[in-house]
């Protein structure tokens, strides 16, 4: 028996269900309630840790790492380095310190890197404007649209504040030489237990321990440092088939100095870098950038705790469709991009929830989400155990799109299959448009369906993903056309649309978060 409801009651019920579904979808990505550390928290010693993993121990690491603002070269940063080393000594693991003097030779290398990056951005900008000019004379475009005589004049004045690239580099290097003379850069490299297998690959997990100048560095990147320290404590006695290294880099906030030095380290030959660098202090650990589709497919088939939307990678780091809006996002924004551009297979993870404290004094111990910290530690331990004992897929031929449906439930679809399915659905929707016009259906249905198809075509061409978001509503409408019973049709429509909303809201929140993320320093 179906309960009779008036129109107002139905609308109210649908609104309530929609709100609840949206909240549930939001909770798949970010916690609705953040649990901060207790105000009277007292750190414990490693010898007092009771279980594996122990959240009080992880909080203690974080508390000690983020007590002071500790930018590279500061006394506070050396204290953090010494604290990490003291923890490793107490845990009793093998480690090495890659110490580099910030001397003339170092800054010559750094100057070359800065110059290469500025020239790379200039080249991307030129290609974008050339594309915009439709391969015609770019100087004409400069005169007509930007009131400059040439691209060089435009780039110098608009991007480099009136300086040449060489002048910009010299200014940066001169300032750094004066500020960091007589200082050292220190990467801390830990090797976990290995069986010395001949076919072993080197897997490297990385987090940076320096903070931004104005930050206590709790979220960026103390959470990751603390979780990796607890990961080391919990896995130190295990023997792995592969060589697992955990690295705490220095100078990430200073042009990724530690990462550049790490790739010159002679102690390993990394097959895969797994980098952790946050712009938020809560939420789930998100795989937001990668350069090896096979490794990503393997990751999601074996490790169930994380979420990812590969279209974020495609949209934010699309090298084929550079524009002023995304080319600076594509520039280095974490140590991972140093590994990536030097040819290493790389997975780059981050917390992106609540980015408003990023690079500010509010990025401190008191504002960290305890549950997030605990989940990150468990995820890192799972990664170490999996990658330590399994072969790593490293071919870049596979190309997949990933959809998160529920916490820990990720569906992967080959991009070529996705494109074929999208084209098939576009054809079906076009047929449905024809039916709507033939049967003289309501005008709003016709306009809505046409807009959905156009949206699907555009997203498929530009991003090669996310087209399903536009194609599913017309498919639901088409399915409902075949249901004749009015009551069953109403119930079916509510169920289908709410399920669609549940799936759709997650990437929408993710896109909004990435927009905030890119606007707060990255």
Foldseek 3Di string as FASTA:
>chain_A
DDDDDDPVVVVVVLVVLLVVLLVQLVCQWFNPDFDADDPPQDADDPVPADDQQGLSNLLNLLCQLLVDAFAPQDPSVVVNVVVLVVLCVVLPFDKDKDKAAPDPVLLVVVLVVQLVLLVVLLVLAVVQLCVVVVVDPSLVVCCPPPNDRDSQVVCCCPPVVNDDSNVSSVVLSVVCCVVRHPGMWIKMKTKAAEPPAPPAAEEEEEAERHAFRAESCSVFPSLVVSLVSSLCSNRRPDYFHHIYMYMHGHCFVPVLSRLVVVVVDPPHDHQEYEYEGALAQTTAKEFQEWQAVQQVVVCLVQQQQGDYFCLSHLVQQPSVNDDPVRPVSNRDDGSQNVCVVVPHGYTYIYDLPHSVCGNHHVSGSRPHRSVNSVSVSVRVSSVCRVSRYDDGDGHRPFAWGWFDQGRRDIDIDGLVVLLVVLVVLLVVLVVVLVVCVVVVHDPVLNVLSVVLSVQLVVCCVRRSDPNVLSSVVSVLVVVLVPDDDPVVSVVSSSVSVSSSSSRVSNVVVVVVSVVVSVVNRD
